[in-house]
N, C-alpha and C. Protein backbone atom coordinates (compact mmCIF):
# COMPACT_ATOMS: atom_id res chain seq x y z
N MET A 1 -11.40 9.12 3.18
CA MET A 1 -10.22 8.75 2.43
C MET A 1 -10.40 7.36 1.85
N LYS A 2 -9.87 7.18 0.66
CA LYS A 2 -9.99 5.91 -0.05
C LYS A 2 -8.59 5.32 -0.21
N VAL A 3 -8.42 4.09 0.30
CA VAL A 3 -7.10 3.46 0.34
C VAL A 3 -7.14 2.13 -0.41
N LEU A 4 -6.10 1.89 -1.20
CA LEU A 4 -5.91 0.63 -1.90
C LEU A 4 -4.83 -0.16 -1.17
N LEU A 5 -5.18 -1.38 -0.75
CA LEU A 5 -4.23 -2.26 -0.06
C LEU A 5 -3.86 -3.40 -1.00
N VAL A 6 -2.55 -3.64 -1.16
CA VAL A 6 -2.10 -4.69 -2.06
C VAL A 6 -1.05 -5.54 -1.34
N ASP A 7 -1.39 -6.81 -1.13
CA ASP A 7 -0.50 -7.74 -0.45
C ASP A 7 -0.86 -9.15 -0.90
N ASP A 8 0.13 -9.98 -1.17
CA ASP A 8 -0.15 -11.33 -1.65
C ASP A 8 -0.62 -12.28 -0.55
N GLU A 9 -0.65 -11.84 0.69
CA GLU A 9 -1.16 -12.66 1.80
C GLU A 9 -2.63 -12.29 2.02
N LYS A 10 -3.52 -13.11 1.46
CA LYS A 10 -4.95 -12.80 1.44
C LYS A 10 -5.52 -12.56 2.85
N GLU A 11 -5.21 -13.42 3.78
CA GLU A 11 -5.75 -13.28 5.13
C GLU A 11 -5.30 -11.98 5.78
N PHE A 12 -4.04 -11.64 5.57
CA PHE A 12 -3.49 -10.41 6.13
C PHE A 12 -4.17 -9.18 5.55
N VAL A 13 -4.23 -9.10 4.22
CA VAL A 13 -4.72 -7.89 3.57
C VAL A 13 -6.23 -7.73 3.77
N SER A 14 -6.97 -8.82 3.78
CA SER A 14 -8.42 -8.71 4.01
C SER A 14 -8.71 -8.28 5.45
N ALA A 15 -7.96 -8.81 6.40
CA ALA A 15 -8.12 -8.41 7.80
C ALA A 15 -7.72 -6.95 7.98
N LEU A 16 -6.66 -6.53 7.33
CA LEU A 16 -6.20 -5.15 7.41
C LEU A 16 -7.28 -4.20 6.87
N ALA A 17 -7.89 -4.56 5.75
CA ALA A 17 -8.96 -3.74 5.18
C ALA A 17 -10.13 -3.63 6.14
N GLU A 18 -10.48 -4.74 6.75
CA GLU A 18 -11.59 -4.73 7.70
C GLU A 18 -11.28 -3.86 8.92
N ARG A 19 -10.09 -3.98 9.44
CA ARG A 19 -9.69 -3.18 10.61
C ARG A 19 -9.64 -1.70 10.28
N LEU A 20 -9.19 -1.35 9.07
CA LEU A 20 -9.19 0.05 8.66
C LEU A 20 -10.61 0.57 8.48
N SER A 21 -11.49 -0.27 7.95
CA SER A 21 -12.88 0.16 7.75
C SER A 21 -13.55 0.48 9.09
N PHE A 22 -13.19 -0.25 10.14
CA PHE A 22 -13.72 0.04 11.48
C PHE A 22 -13.28 1.42 11.96
N ARG A 23 -12.23 1.95 11.36
CA ARG A 23 -11.69 3.26 11.73
C ARG A 23 -12.08 4.34 10.72
N GLY A 24 -13.06 4.05 9.89
CA GLY A 24 -13.58 5.04 8.97
C GLY A 24 -12.86 5.18 7.65
N VAL A 25 -11.98 4.24 7.33
CA VAL A 25 -11.22 4.27 6.08
C VAL A 25 -11.96 3.43 5.04
N ASP A 26 -12.15 3.98 3.84
CA ASP A 26 -12.74 3.24 2.73
C ASP A 26 -11.60 2.43 2.10
N ALA A 27 -11.41 1.20 2.59
CA ALA A 27 -10.27 0.37 2.20
C ALA A 27 -10.69 -0.71 1.22
N HIS A 28 -10.01 -0.77 0.08
CA HIS A 28 -10.22 -1.79 -0.93
C HIS A 28 -8.93 -2.61 -1.01
N TRP A 29 -9.05 -3.90 -1.27
CA TRP A 29 -7.84 -4.73 -1.26
C TRP A 29 -7.81 -5.71 -2.43
N THR A 30 -6.59 -6.15 -2.71
CA THR A 30 -6.33 -7.19 -3.69
C THR A 30 -5.03 -7.90 -3.33
N VAL A 31 -4.84 -9.07 -3.93
CA VAL A 31 -3.63 -9.85 -3.66
C VAL A 31 -2.63 -9.82 -4.81
N SER A 32 -2.88 -8.98 -5.83
CA SER A 32 -1.93 -8.93 -6.94
C SER A 32 -1.75 -7.52 -7.47
N GLY A 33 -0.56 -7.26 -7.94
CA GLY A 33 -0.25 -5.97 -8.54
C GLY A 33 -1.05 -5.71 -9.80
N GLU A 34 -1.25 -6.76 -10.59
CA GLU A 34 -2.01 -6.63 -11.82
C GLU A 34 -3.46 -6.22 -11.54
N GLU A 35 -4.07 -6.84 -10.55
CA GLU A 35 -5.44 -6.49 -10.17
C GLU A 35 -5.49 -5.07 -9.60
N ALA A 36 -4.47 -4.68 -8.87
CA ALA A 36 -4.41 -3.32 -8.31
C ALA A 36 -4.44 -2.28 -9.43
N LEU A 37 -3.74 -2.55 -10.52
CA LEU A 37 -3.75 -1.63 -11.66
C LEU A 37 -5.15 -1.49 -12.25
N LYS A 38 -5.86 -2.62 -12.34
CA LYS A 38 -7.24 -2.58 -12.85
C LYS A 38 -8.13 -1.76 -11.91
N MET A 39 -7.97 -1.99 -10.61
CA MET A 39 -8.78 -1.26 -9.63
C MET A 39 -8.50 0.24 -9.70
N ALA A 40 -7.23 0.59 -9.85
CA ALA A 40 -6.85 2.01 -9.91
C ALA A 40 -7.32 2.64 -11.22
N ASN A 41 -7.44 1.84 -12.26
CA ASN A 41 -7.94 2.34 -13.53
C ASN A 41 -9.44 2.65 -13.44
N ASP A 42 -10.16 1.88 -12.62
CA ASP A 42 -11.60 2.05 -12.46
C ASP A 42 -11.99 3.08 -11.41
N GLY A 43 -11.06 3.46 -10.54
CA GLY A 43 -11.40 4.39 -9.48
C GLY A 43 -10.19 5.13 -8.96
N ARG A 44 -10.44 6.18 -8.23
CA ARG A 44 -9.36 6.99 -7.65
C ARG A 44 -9.13 6.61 -6.20
N TYR A 45 -7.87 6.54 -5.83
CA TYR A 45 -7.47 6.25 -4.45
C TYR A 45 -6.57 7.38 -3.97
N ASP A 46 -6.71 7.74 -2.71
CA ASP A 46 -5.85 8.77 -2.12
C ASP A 46 -4.47 8.21 -1.81
N LEU A 47 -4.45 6.93 -1.44
CA LEU A 47 -3.22 6.33 -0.96
C LEU A 47 -3.23 4.84 -1.27
N ALA A 48 -2.06 4.28 -1.53
CA ALA A 48 -1.91 2.84 -1.70
C ALA A 48 -0.89 2.33 -0.69
N VAL A 49 -1.23 1.22 -0.05
CA VAL A 49 -0.33 0.54 0.87
C VAL A 49 0.07 -0.74 0.14
N LEU A 50 1.36 -0.83 -0.20
CA LEU A 50 1.85 -1.89 -1.09
C LEU A 50 2.88 -2.78 -0.41
N ASP A 51 2.70 -4.09 -0.57
CA ASP A 51 3.71 -5.05 -0.16
C ASP A 51 4.86 -4.97 -1.16
N VAL A 52 6.07 -4.93 -0.67
CA VAL A 52 7.22 -4.81 -1.56
C VAL A 52 7.42 -6.09 -2.37
N LYS A 53 7.39 -7.24 -1.71
CA LYS A 53 7.68 -8.52 -2.36
C LYS A 53 6.39 -9.27 -2.63
N MET A 54 6.04 -9.36 -3.92
CA MET A 54 4.87 -10.14 -4.33
C MET A 54 5.22 -10.87 -5.62
N PRO A 55 4.60 -12.03 -5.84
CA PRO A 55 4.81 -12.72 -7.12
C PRO A 55 4.31 -11.84 -8.27
N GLY A 56 4.96 -11.93 -9.39
CA GLY A 56 4.56 -11.10 -10.52
C GLY A 56 4.99 -9.67 -10.32
N LEU A 57 4.05 -8.77 -10.32
CA LEU A 57 4.32 -7.35 -10.19
C LEU A 57 4.50 -6.97 -8.72
N GLY A 58 5.73 -6.66 -8.34
CA GLY A 58 6.05 -6.31 -6.95
C GLY A 58 5.70 -4.86 -6.64
N GLY A 59 5.76 -4.51 -5.37
CA GLY A 59 5.34 -3.21 -4.91
C GLY A 59 6.09 -2.02 -5.48
N ILE A 60 7.38 -2.15 -5.68
CA ILE A 60 8.17 -1.02 -6.16
C ILE A 60 7.80 -0.68 -7.61
N GLU A 61 7.68 -1.69 -8.45
CA GLU A 61 7.26 -1.45 -9.84
C GLU A 61 5.80 -1.02 -9.88
N LEU A 62 4.97 -1.61 -9.04
CA LEU A 62 3.55 -1.24 -8.98
C LEU A 62 3.40 0.22 -8.60
N ARG A 63 4.21 0.69 -7.66
CA ARG A 63 4.15 2.09 -7.26
C ARG A 63 4.44 3.00 -8.45
N LYS A 64 5.43 2.65 -9.25
CA LYS A 64 5.78 3.46 -10.43
C LYS A 64 4.61 3.54 -11.40
N ARG A 65 3.96 2.42 -11.64
CA ARG A 65 2.84 2.40 -12.58
C ARG A 65 1.62 3.14 -12.04
N LEU A 66 1.34 2.96 -10.76
CA LEU A 66 0.22 3.68 -10.15
C LEU A 66 0.46 5.18 -10.17
N HIS A 67 1.70 5.58 -9.91
CA HIS A 67 2.04 7.01 -9.92
C HIS A 67 1.85 7.61 -11.31
N GLU A 68 2.18 6.84 -12.35
CA GLU A 68 1.96 7.31 -13.71
C GLU A 68 0.47 7.52 -13.99
N MET A 69 -0.36 6.63 -13.46
CA MET A 69 -1.81 6.72 -13.66
C MET A 69 -2.42 7.87 -12.86
N HIS A 70 -1.96 8.01 -11.62
CA HIS A 70 -2.52 8.98 -10.68
C HIS A 70 -1.38 9.68 -9.94
N PRO A 71 -0.81 10.73 -10.53
CA PRO A 71 0.35 11.40 -9.93
C PRO A 71 0.13 11.91 -8.50
N GLY A 72 -1.09 12.16 -8.10
CA GLY A 72 -1.35 12.64 -6.75
C GLY A 72 -1.49 11.57 -5.70
N MET A 73 -1.48 10.30 -6.11
CA MET A 73 -1.62 9.20 -5.15
C MET A 73 -0.39 9.15 -4.25
N ARG A 74 -0.61 8.85 -2.99
CA ARG A 74 0.48 8.70 -2.02
C ARG A 74 0.71 7.22 -1.76
N PHE A 75 1.88 6.88 -1.19
CA PHE A 75 2.25 5.47 -1.03
C PHE A 75 2.91 5.20 0.30
N ILE A 76 2.61 4.00 0.82
CA ILE A 76 3.30 3.43 1.98
C ILE A 76 3.68 2.01 1.58
N PHE A 77 4.92 1.62 1.85
CA PHE A 77 5.35 0.25 1.57
C PHE A 77 5.31 -0.58 2.85
N LEU A 78 4.94 -1.86 2.69
CA LEU A 78 4.99 -2.84 3.77
C LEU A 78 5.93 -3.96 3.34
N THR A 79 6.61 -4.55 4.30
CA THR A 79 7.43 -5.71 3.97
C THR A 79 7.55 -6.63 5.17
N GLY A 80 7.65 -7.90 4.87
CA GLY A 80 7.90 -8.88 5.91
C GLY A 80 9.33 -9.39 5.85
N HIS A 81 10.00 -9.11 4.74
CA HIS A 81 11.36 -9.64 4.55
C HIS A 81 12.12 -8.81 3.53
N GLY A 82 12.15 -7.52 3.74
CA GLY A 82 12.82 -6.64 2.79
C GLY A 82 14.32 -6.65 2.94
N SER A 83 14.98 -6.45 1.83
CA SER A 83 16.44 -6.35 1.83
C SER A 83 16.84 -4.90 2.07
N GLN A 84 18.11 -4.67 2.29
CA GLN A 84 18.62 -3.31 2.46
C GLN A 84 18.37 -2.47 1.22
N GLU A 85 18.52 -3.10 0.04
CA GLU A 85 18.26 -2.38 -1.22
C GLU A 85 16.78 -2.01 -1.34
N ASP A 86 15.88 -2.95 -0.97
CA ASP A 86 14.45 -2.65 -1.00
C ASP A 86 14.13 -1.49 -0.07
N PHE A 87 14.76 -1.49 1.11
CA PHE A 87 14.53 -0.41 2.06
C PHE A 87 14.97 0.93 1.47
N LYS A 88 16.13 0.92 0.84
CA LYS A 88 16.66 2.16 0.24
C LYS A 88 15.73 2.67 -0.85
N VAL A 89 15.34 1.81 -1.77
CA VAL A 89 14.45 2.21 -2.86
C VAL A 89 13.09 2.59 -2.32
N GLY A 90 12.55 1.77 -1.42
CA GLY A 90 11.23 2.03 -0.86
C GLY A 90 11.17 3.32 -0.09
N SER A 91 12.19 3.63 0.64
CA SER A 91 12.23 4.86 1.42
C SER A 91 12.27 6.09 0.53
N GLU A 92 12.87 5.94 -0.64
CA GLU A 92 12.95 7.06 -1.58
C GLU A 92 11.63 7.26 -2.33
N GLU A 93 10.86 6.19 -2.51
CA GLU A 93 9.69 6.25 -3.38
C GLU A 93 8.35 6.25 -2.66
N ALA A 94 8.34 6.18 -1.35
CA ALA A 94 7.08 6.18 -0.60
C ALA A 94 7.26 7.04 0.63
N SER A 95 6.14 7.44 1.20
CA SER A 95 6.20 8.26 2.40
C SER A 95 6.77 7.49 3.58
N PHE A 96 6.39 6.21 3.69
CA PHE A 96 6.87 5.38 4.79
C PHE A 96 7.13 3.97 4.30
N TYR A 97 7.99 3.27 5.02
CA TYR A 97 8.35 1.89 4.75
C TYR A 97 8.20 1.17 6.08
N LEU A 98 7.15 0.36 6.22
CA LEU A 98 6.82 -0.29 7.49
C LEU A 98 7.06 -1.79 7.41
N ALA A 99 7.50 -2.37 8.52
CA ALA A 99 7.75 -3.80 8.59
C ALA A 99 6.56 -4.53 9.20
N LYS A 100 6.28 -5.71 8.67
CA LYS A 100 5.24 -6.59 9.22
C LYS A 100 5.88 -7.43 10.32
N PRO A 101 5.16 -7.84 11.31
CA PRO A 101 3.77 -7.47 11.58
C PRO A 101 3.70 -6.01 12.04
N LEU A 102 2.56 -5.38 11.79
CA LEU A 102 2.43 -4.00 12.19
C LEU A 102 1.16 -3.82 13.00
N LYS A 103 1.18 -2.81 13.81
CA LYS A 103 0.02 -2.47 14.63
C LYS A 103 -0.87 -1.54 13.82
N ILE A 104 -2.17 -1.78 13.87
CA ILE A 104 -3.11 -0.99 13.09
C ILE A 104 -3.03 0.49 13.46
N GLU A 105 -2.78 0.78 14.73
CA GLU A 105 -2.68 2.17 15.16
C GLU A 105 -1.48 2.86 14.50
N ALA A 106 -0.38 2.13 14.36
CA ALA A 106 0.80 2.69 13.71
C ALA A 106 0.53 2.97 12.23
N LEU A 107 -0.17 2.05 11.57
CA LEU A 107 -0.51 2.26 10.17
C LEU A 107 -1.46 3.44 10.02
N MET A 108 -2.47 3.55 10.88
CA MET A 108 -3.40 4.68 10.82
C MET A 108 -2.65 6.00 10.98
N GLU A 109 -1.70 6.03 11.91
CA GLU A 109 -0.91 7.24 12.13
C GLU A 109 -0.14 7.61 10.87
N LYS A 110 0.47 6.62 10.23
CA LYS A 110 1.26 6.88 9.02
C LYS A 110 0.37 7.26 7.83
N ILE A 111 -0.83 6.69 7.76
CA ILE A 111 -1.77 7.06 6.70
C ILE A 111 -2.14 8.53 6.85
N LYS A 112 -2.51 8.93 8.06
CA LYS A 112 -2.88 10.32 8.30
C LYS A 112 -1.72 11.26 8.02
N GLU A 113 -0.54 10.87 8.48
CA GLU A 113 0.65 11.70 8.26
C GLU A 113 0.97 11.84 6.77
N THR A 114 0.84 10.75 6.03
CA THR A 114 1.11 10.77 4.60
C THR A 114 0.14 11.67 3.87
N LEU A 115 -1.14 11.57 4.20
CA LEU A 115 -2.15 12.36 3.50
C LEU A 115 -2.10 13.82 3.89
N ASN A 116 -1.53 14.15 5.03
CA ASN A 116 -1.41 15.55 5.47
C ASN A 116 -0.16 16.23 4.96
N ARG A 117 0.69 15.52 4.24
CA ARG A 117 1.93 16.12 3.72
C ARG A 117 1.63 17.03 2.57
C-alpha cells in the first residue's frame, strides 16, 4: 500500500512515515498541501492521511482536490486542535478523524480498515 502523509509539523510527519515504513507501508510525506498535490499528480496513492489545520491549503480543501484527481483515493484526517465544525466536516469527508497525539498501532488499524472498505 502507498500512503501520502501531509502535516505541517515536519518532525511529526517524517517520524510517522518512518514508523509506518517499519510496518511495511510505502509512506511518502510532505509538510504542505501544495506539495501534496504535486506528489499526487506524479504518482498514485491508495490513501492520504491529512492534517486538518495547515498554513495555506488545509486538509479539508486538500482532500477535495485530491479526490478530484484520484476518485479512488481514501482519506484519514488528523488534528491536534480541531473545532467541532472541523470534526463534523472531517467525519463526513474521510473514513476516520483521529486526534494527535496518536499511537502508531491505532493509525495502522485505521489504515487497514479504511483500505478494506
